[in-house]
């Protein structure tokens, strides 16, 4: 049976069919001393800054609490990048093993973490849907809209939202709840979402719409 087309944000963000997706809020991506900050801090062309990540985490935390209160689903995506899990092409793009290693501090949550009843999915590449059971778990809950948060905007957030769009989900990006060390990439993803994939909305408006 063909589903109703949800054209407005009010329709798309009904809590019963909305999932807040938190992407890769982990120490190696977000923390001072994490893998990205350690390995790229000295880069003159593309240094990684992590100072905004604490504020992003705070805003995601507030959004997650409101989503739960409203009856929406909260999903946490977690990367584990031990080389044994990665395809050769992915390994070829790494400077060396050490990012989000299974059981390490770097793979632990940064500032915020799942609550009871949330969905947690471990992934081994940029998309949260690739070779995981995320789609099946969302379908079992009747989810039709994904509210995207986390890092990095232009890598794992982008890959997951595109994959989700191709699977038929409405896409909403929480503009002040995503971040990247690559500002041009961050802005490029937001611009592309606005034109091609969905909506870009700040967290304050999302809090109002979910409520």
C-alpha atoms as a PDB file:
ATOM      1  CA  UNK A   1       0.000   0.000   0.000  1.00  0.00           C
ATOM      2  CA  UNK A   2       1.320   3.456  -0.958  1.00  0.00           C
ATOM      3  CA  UNK A   3       2.096   5.622   2.060  1.00  0.00           C
ATOM      4  CA  UNK A   4       0.788   9.146   2.477  1.00  0.00           C
ATOM      5  CA  UNK A   5       3.243  11.825   1.345  1.00  0.00           C
ATOM      6  CA  UNK A   6       4.274  13.936   4.337  1.00  0.00           C
ATOM      7  CA  UNK A   7       4.996  17.371   2.882  1.00  0.00           C
ATOM      8  CA  UNK A   8       5.210  19.684   5.905  1.00  0.00           C
ATOM      9  CA  UNK A   9       7.605  19.545   8.841  1.00  0.00           C
ATOM     10  CA  UNK A  10       4.628  19.285  11.196  1.00  0.00           C
ATOM     11  CA  UNK A  11       3.499  16.135   9.390  1.00  0.00           C
ATOM     12  CA  UNK A  12       6.989  14.666   9.080  1.00  0.00           C
ATOM     13  CA  UNK A  13       7.863  15.234  12.748  1.00  0.00           C
ATOM     14  CA  UNK A  14       4.944  13.499  14.391  1.00  0.00           C
ATOM     15  CA  UNK A  15       6.736  11.727  17.255  1.00  0.00           C
ATOM     16  CA  UNK A  16       5.144   8.331  16.596  1.00  0.00           C
ATOM     17  CA  UNK A  17       6.965   8.007  13.281  1.00  0.00           C
ATOM     18  CA  UNK A  18      10.087  10.090  13.987  1.00  0.00           C
ATOM     19  CA  UNK A  19      13.568   8.891  14.960  1.00  0.00           C
ATOM     20  CA  UNK A  20      16.306  11.171  16.264  1.00  0.00           C
ATOM     21  CA  UNK A  21      19.573   9.730  14.927  1.00  0.00           C
ATOM     22  CA  UNK A  22      22.762  10.525  16.883  1.00  0.00           C
ATOM     23  CA  UNK A  23      25.806   9.793  14.721  1.00  0.00           C
ATOM     24  CA  UNK A  24      29.268   8.976  16.088  1.00  0.00           C
ATOM     25  CA  UNK A  25      29.322  11.148  19.216  1.00  0.00           C
ATOM     26  CA  UNK A  26      32.462   9.313  20.314  1.00  0.00           C
ATOM     27  CA  UNK A  27      35.735  10.438  21.889  1.00  0.00           C
ATOM     28  CA  UNK A  28      37.921   9.712  18.875  1.00  0.00           C
ATOM     29  CA  UNK A  29      35.826  12.064  16.749  1.00  0.00           C
ATOM     30  CA  UNK A  30      34.830  14.678  19.327  1.00  0.00           C
ATOM     31  CA  UNK A  31      37.222  14.880  22.273  1.00  0.00           C
ATOM     32  CA  UNK A  32      40.461  16.721  22.896  1.00  0.00           C
ATOM     33  CA  UNK A  33      43.073  13.999  22.548  1.00  0.00           C
ATOM     34  CA  UNK A  34      40.829  11.843  20.375  1.00  0.00           C
ATOM     35  CA  UNK A  35      42.110  10.193  17.207  1.00  0.00           C
ATOM     36  CA  UNK A  36      41.105  12.966  14.793  1.00  0.00           C
ATOM     37  CA  UNK A  37      42.391  15.781  16.982  1.00  0.00           C
ATOM     38  CA  UNK A  38      45.666  13.932  17.662  1.00  0.00           C
ATOM     39  CA  UNK A  39      46.378  12.988  14.077  1.00  0.00           C
ATOM     40  CA  UNK A  40      45.250  16.164  12.313  1.00  0.00           C
ATOM     41  CA  UNK A  41      45.884  18.989  14.789  1.00  0.00           C
ATOM     42  CA  UNK A  42      49.192  19.821  13.158  1.00  0.00           C
ATOM     43  CA  UNK A  43      47.795  19.899   9.634  1.00  0.00           C
ATOM     44  CA  UNK A  44      48.126  23.391   8.182  1.00  0.00           C
ATOM     45  CA  UNK A  45      45.628  22.649   5.403  1.00  0.00           C
ATOM     46  CA  UNK A  46      42.850  20.975   7.412  1.00  0.00           C
ATOM     47  CA  UNK A  47      43.377  21.146  11.192  1.00  0.00           C
ATOM     48  CA  UNK A  48      40.688  19.496  13.298  1.00  0.00           C
ATOM     49  CA  UNK A  49      39.013  21.686  15.932  1.00  0.00           C
ATOM     50  CA  UNK A  50      36.970  20.011  18.652  1.00  0.00           C
ATOM     51  CA  UNK A  51      35.990  22.996  20.799  1.00  0.00           C
ATOM     52  CA  UNK A  52      32.417  23.166  19.456  1.00  0.00           C
ATOM     53  CA  UNK A  53      31.666  19.491  20.118  1.00  0.00           C
ATOM     54  CA  UNK A  54      30.735  19.979  23.781  1.00  0.00           C
ATOM     55  CA  UNK A  55      28.048  22.481  22.804  1.00  0.00           C
ATOM     56  CA  UNK A  56      26.806  20.177  20.046  1.00  0.00           C
ATOM     57  CA  UNK A  57      26.576  17.346  22.596  1.00  0.00           C
ATOM     58  CA  UNK A  58      24.579  19.539  24.997  1.00  0.00           C
ATOM     59  CA  UNK A  59      22.088  20.470  22.295  1.00  0.00           C
ATOM     60  CA  UNK A  60      21.733  16.846  21.174  1.00  0.00           C
ATOM     61  CA  UNK A  61      21.159  15.826  24.784  1.00  0.00           C
ATOM     62  CA  UNK A  62      18.288  18.287  25.128  1.00  0.00           C
ATOM     63  CA  UNK A  63      16.808  17.184  21.826  1.00  0.00           C
ATOM     64  CA  UNK A  64      17.060  13.500  22.780  1.00  0.00           C
ATOM     65  CA  UNK A  65      15.339  14.111  26.118  1.00  0.00           C
ATOM     66  CA  UNK A  66      12.455  15.931  24.411  1.00  0.00           C
ATOM     67  CA  UNK A  67      12.211  13.251  21.717  1.00  0.00           C
ATOM     68  CA  UNK A  68      11.833  10.533  24.351  1.00  0.00           C
ATOM     69  CA  UNK A  69       9.302  12.588  26.313  1.00  0.00           C
ATOM     70  CA  UNK A  70       7.249  13.141  23.155  1.00  0.00           C
ATOM     71  CA  UNK A  71       7.289   9.447  22.252  1.00  0.00           C
ATOM     72  CA  UNK A  72       9.803   9.567  19.387  1.00  0.00           C
ATOM     73  CA  UNK A  73      12.558   6.990  18.899  1.00  0.00           C
ATOM     74  CA  UNK A  74      16.202   7.815  19.662  1.00  0.00           C
ATOM     75  CA  UNK A  75      18.908   5.978  17.707  1.00  0.00           C
ATOM     76  CA  UNK A  76      22.627   5.985  18.432  1.00  0.00           C
ATOM     77  CA  UNK A  77      25.130   5.052  15.729  1.00  0.00           C
ATOM     78  CA  UNK A  78      28.576   4.007  16.907  1.00  0.00           C
ATOM     79  CA  UNK A  79      31.634   3.418  14.720  1.00  0.00           C
ATOM     80  CA  UNK A  80      34.073   0.571  15.340  1.00  0.00           C
ATOM     81  CA  UNK A  81      36.945   0.808  12.863  1.00  0.00           C
ATOM     82  CA  UNK A  82      39.336  -2.030  13.708  1.00  0.00           C
ATOM     83  CA  UNK A  83      40.930  -2.996  10.405  1.00  0.00           C
ATOM     84  CA  UNK A  84      39.482  -6.516  10.676  1.00  0.00           C
ATOM     85  CA  UNK A  85      36.047  -4.978  10.038  1.00  0.00           C
ATOM     86  CA  UNK A  86      37.007  -2.690   7.131  1.00  0.00           C
ATOM     87  CA  UNK A  87      37.070  -3.192   3.382  1.00  0.00           C
ATOM     88  CA  UNK A  88      40.498  -2.820   1.709  1.00  0.00           C
ATOM     89  CA  UNK A  89      39.444   0.471   0.072  1.00  0.00           C
ATOM     90  CA  UNK A  90      38.554   1.885   3.495  1.00  0.00           C
ATOM     91  CA  UNK A  91      41.861   0.733   4.995  1.00  0.00           C
ATOM     92  CA  UNK A  92      43.714   2.375   2.102  1.00  0.00           C
ATOM     93  CA  UNK A  93      42.315   5.762   3.148  1.00  0.00           C
ATOM     94  CA  UNK A  94      43.540   5.387   6.750  1.00  0.00           C
ATOM     95  CA  UNK A  95      46.931   6.561   7.908  1.00  0.00           C
ATOM     96  CA  UNK A  96      47.031   3.637  10.333  1.00  0.00           C
ATOM     97  CA  UNK A  97      44.896   1.555  12.656  1.00  0.00           C
ATOM     98  CA  UNK A  98      43.764   3.292  15.827  1.00  0.00           C
ATOM     99  CA  UNK A  99      40.462   5.080  15.240  1.00  0.00           C
ATOM    100  CA  UNK A 100      37.480   3.894  17.330  1.00  0.00           C
ATOM    101  CA  UNK A 101      39.058   0.590  18.245  1.00  0.00           C
ATOM    102  CA  UNK A 102      36.688  -1.912  19.799  1.00  0.00           C
ATOM    103  CA  UNK A 103      36.542  -1.503  23.594  1.00  0.00           C
ATOM    104  CA  UNK A 104      38.753   1.596  23.639  1.00  0.00           C
ATOM    105  CA  UNK A 105      38.269   5.019  25.236  1.00  0.00           C
ATOM    106  CA  UNK A 106      38.189   6.455  21.726  1.00  0.00           C
ATOM    107  CA  UNK A 107      35.135   4.393  20.821  1.00  0.00           C
ATOM    108  CA  UNK A 108      33.265   5.431  24.013  1.00  0.00           C
ATOM    109  CA  UNK A 109      30.480   8.011  23.950  1.00  0.00           C
ATOM    110  CA  UNK A 110      31.431  11.690  24.197  1.00  0.00           C
ATOM    111  CA  UNK A 111      29.497  13.641  26.901  1.00  0.00           C
ATOM    112  CA  UNK A 112      26.137  12.018  26.124  1.00  0.00           C
ATOM    113  CA  UNK A 113      25.043   8.393  25.907  1.00  0.00           C
ATOM    114  CA  UNK A 114      22.025   6.168  25.180  1.00  0.00           C
ATOM    115  CA  UNK A 115      19.164   5.796  27.637  1.00  0.00           C
ATOM    116  CA  UNK A 116      17.081   2.705  28.292  1.00  0.00           C
ATOM    117  CA  UNK A 117      14.810   2.026  25.332  1.00  0.00           C
ATOM    118  CA  UNK A 118      17.032   3.758  22.764  1.00  0.00           C
ATOM    119  CA  UNK A 119      18.304   1.848  19.733  1.00  0.00           C
ATOM    120  CA  UNK A 120      22.093   1.391  19.495  1.00  0.00           C
ATOM    121  CA  UNK A 121      23.681   0.259  16.218  1.00  0.00           C
ATOM    122  CA  UNK A 122      27.368  -0.458  15.639  1.00  0.00           C
ATOM    123  CA  UNK A 123      28.638   0.237  12.140  1.00  0.00           C
ATOM    124  CA  UNK A 124      31.926  -0.379  10.345  1.00  0.00           C
ATOM    125  CA  UNK A 125      31.636   2.211   7.595  1.00  0.00           C
ATOM    126  CA  UNK A 126      30.197   5.676   7.096  1.00  0.00           C
ATOM    127  CA  UNK A 127      26.527   4.774   6.568  1.00  0.00           C
ATOM    128  CA  UNK A 128      24.526   3.556   9.544  1.00  0.00           C
ATOM    129  CA  UNK A 129      22.444   1.427   7.187  1.00  0.00           C
ATOM    130  CA  UNK A 130      25.268  -0.438   5.424  1.00  0.00           C
ATOM    131  CA  UNK A 131      25.315  -4.091   6.565  1.00  0.00           C
ATOM    132  CA  UNK A 132      23.429  -3.299   9.802  1.00  0.00           C
ATOM    133  CA  UNK A 133      19.888  -4.006  10.993  1.00  0.00           C
ATOM    134  CA  UNK A 134      19.027  -0.319  11.379  1.00  0.00           C
ATOM    135  CA  UNK A 135      16.417  -0.229   8.598  1.00  0.00           C
ATOM    136  CA  UNK A 136      14.620  -3.302   9.917  1.00  0.00           C
ATOM    137  CA  UNK A 137      14.526  -1.928  13.458  1.00  0.00           C
ATOM    138  CA  UNK A 138      13.174   1.406  12.282  1.00  0.00           C
ATOM    139  CA  UNK A 139      10.549  -0.248  10.121  1.00  0.00           C
ATOM    140  CA  UNK A 140       9.419  -2.364  13.071  1.00  0.00           C
ATOM    141  CA  UNK A 141       8.651   0.903  14.901  1.00  0.00           C
ATOM    142  CA  UNK A 142       6.892   2.524  11.954  1.00  0.00           C
ATOM    143  CA  UNK A 143       9.546   5.220  11.515  1.00  0.00           C
ATOM    144  CA  UNK A 144       9.177   7.499   8.497  1.00  0.00           C
ATOM    145  CA  UNK A 145      11.338  10.518   9.388  1.00  0.00           C
ATOM    146  CA  UNK A 146      14.979  10.744  10.464  1.00  0.00           C
ATOM    147  CA  UNK A 147      16.227  13.779  12.393  1.00  0.00           C
ATOM    148  CA  UNK A 148      19.981  13.744  11.870  1.00  0.00           C
ATOM    149  CA  UNK A 149      22.512  14.896  14.477  1.00  0.00           C
ATOM    150  CA  UNK A 150      26.169  14.184  15.256  1.00  0.00           C
ATOM    151  CA  UNK A 151      29.474  14.134  13.385  1.00  0.00           C
ATOM    152  CA  UNK A 152      30.884  14.506  10.892  1.00  0.00           C
ATOM    153  CA  UNK A 153      28.283  16.403   8.893  1.00  0.00           C
ATOM    154  CA  UNK A 154      29.935  15.710   5.541  1.00  0.00           C
ATOM    155  CA  UNK A 155      30.965  12.098   6.193  1.00  0.00           C
ATOM    156  CA  UNK A 156      28.910   9.748   8.392  1.00  0.00           C
ATOM    157  CA  UNK A 157      25.925  12.061   8.840  1.00  0.00           C
ATOM    158  CA  UNK A 158      25.854  12.690   5.089  1.00  0.00           C
ATOM    159  CA  UNK A 159      26.310   9.019   4.170  1.00  0.00           C
ATOM    160  CA  UNK A 160      23.583   7.886   6.556  1.00  0.00           C
ATOM    161  CA  UNK A 161      21.027  10.510   5.555  1.00  0.00           C
ATOM    162  CA  UNK A 162      21.537   9.813   1.842  1.00  0.00           C
ATOM    163  CA  UNK A 163      21.152   6.082   2.409  1.00  0.00           C
ATOM    164  CA  UNK A 164      18.053   6.746   4.512  1.00  0.00           C
ATOM    165  CA  UNK A 165      16.564   8.985   1.820  1.00  0.00           C
ATOM    166  CA  UNK A 166      17.078   6.261  -0.782  1.00  0.00           C
ATOM    167  CA  UNK A 167      15.239   3.851   1.543  1.00  0.00           C
ATOM    168  CA  UNK A 168      12.277   6.237   1.675  1.00  0.00           C
ATOM    169  CA  UNK A 169      12.746   8.194   4.910  1.00  0.00           C
ATOM    170  CA  UNK A 170      12.007  11.904   5.225  1.00  0.00           C
ATOM    171  CA  UNK A 171      15.215  13.687   6.194  1.00  0.00           C
ATOM    172  CA  UNK A 172      15.547  16.577   8.658  1.00  0.00           C
ATOM    173  CA  UNK A 173      18.985  17.823   9.745  1.00  0.00           C
ATOM    174  CA  UNK A 174      19.287  19.605  13.096  1.00  0.00           C
ATOM    175  CA  UNK A 175      21.557  22.403  11.911  1.00  0.00           C
ATOM    176  CA  UNK A 176      23.154  23.291  15.255  1.00  0.00           C
ATOM    177  CA  UNK A 177      23.463  19.630  16.309  1.00  0.00           C
ATOM    178  CA  UNK A 178      25.864  18.548  13.553  1.00  0.00           C
ATOM    179  CA  UNK A 179      29.497  19.444  13.116  1.00  0.00           C
ATOM    180  CA  UNK A 180      32.671  18.769  11.177  1.00  0.00           C
ATOM    181  CA  UNK A 181      36.321  19.750  11.220  1.00  0.00           C
ATOM    182  CA  UNK A 182      35.841  20.499   7.518  1.00  0.00           C
ATOM    183  CA  UNK A 183      33.754  23.686   7.384  1.00  0.00           C
ATOM    184  CA  UNK A 184      33.418  23.662   3.594  1.00  0.00           C
ATOM    185  CA  UNK A 185      32.208  20.056   3.703  1.00  0.00           C
ATOM    186  CA  UNK A 186      29.804  20.863   6.552  1.00  0.00           C
ATOM    187  CA  UNK A 187      28.244  23.756   4.651  1.00  0.00           C
ATOM    188  CA  UNK A 188      28.158  21.728   1.434  1.00  0.00           C
ATOM    189  CA  UNK A 189      26.151  18.927   3.030  1.00  0.00           C
ATOM    190  CA  UNK A 190      23.655  21.369   4.552  1.00  0.00           C
ATOM    191  CA  UNK A 191      23.209  23.096   1.191  1.00  0.00           C
ATOM    192  CA  UNK A 192      22.715  19.781  -0.596  1.00  0.00           C
ATOM    193  CA  UNK A 193      20.160  18.582   1.942  1.00  0.00           C
ATOM    194  CA  UNK A 194      18.120  21.774   1.555  1.00  0.00           C
ATOM    195  CA  UNK A 195      17.928  21.329  -2.220  1.00  0.00           C
ATOM    196  CA  UNK A 196      17.798  17.567  -2.687  1.00  0.00           C
ATOM    197  CA  UNK A 197      17.150  15.501   0.417  1.00  0.00           C
ATOM    198  CA  UNK A 198      15.029  17.264   3.019  1.00  0.00           C
ATOM    199  CA  UNK A 199      15.048  20.112   5.518  1.00  0.00           C
ATOM    200  CA  UNK A 200      17.615  21.866   7.705  1.00  0.00           C
ATOM    201  CA  UNK A 201      16.171  23.210  10.979  1.00  0.00           C
ATOM    202  CA  UNK A 202      17.699  24.522  14.218  1.00  0.00           C
ATOM    203  CA  UNK A 203      17.206  22.566  17.432  1.00  0.00           C
ATOM    204  CA  UNK A 204      14.951  25.162  19.052  1.00  0.00           C
ATOM    205  CA  UNK A 205      12.393  24.797  16.304  1.00  0.00           C
ATOM    206  CA  UNK A 206      12.680  21.020  16.486  1.00  0.00           C
ATOM    207  CA  UNK A 207      12.016  21.123  20.232  1.00  0.00           C
ATOM    208  CA  UNK A 208       8.858  23.103  19.545  1.00  0.00           C
ATOM    209  CA  UNK A 209       7.696  20.845  16.723  1.00  0.00           C
ATOM    210  CA  UNK A 210       8.294  17.647  18.704  1.00  0.00           C
ATOM    211  CA  UNK A 211       6.432  19.059  21.686  1.00  0.00           C
END
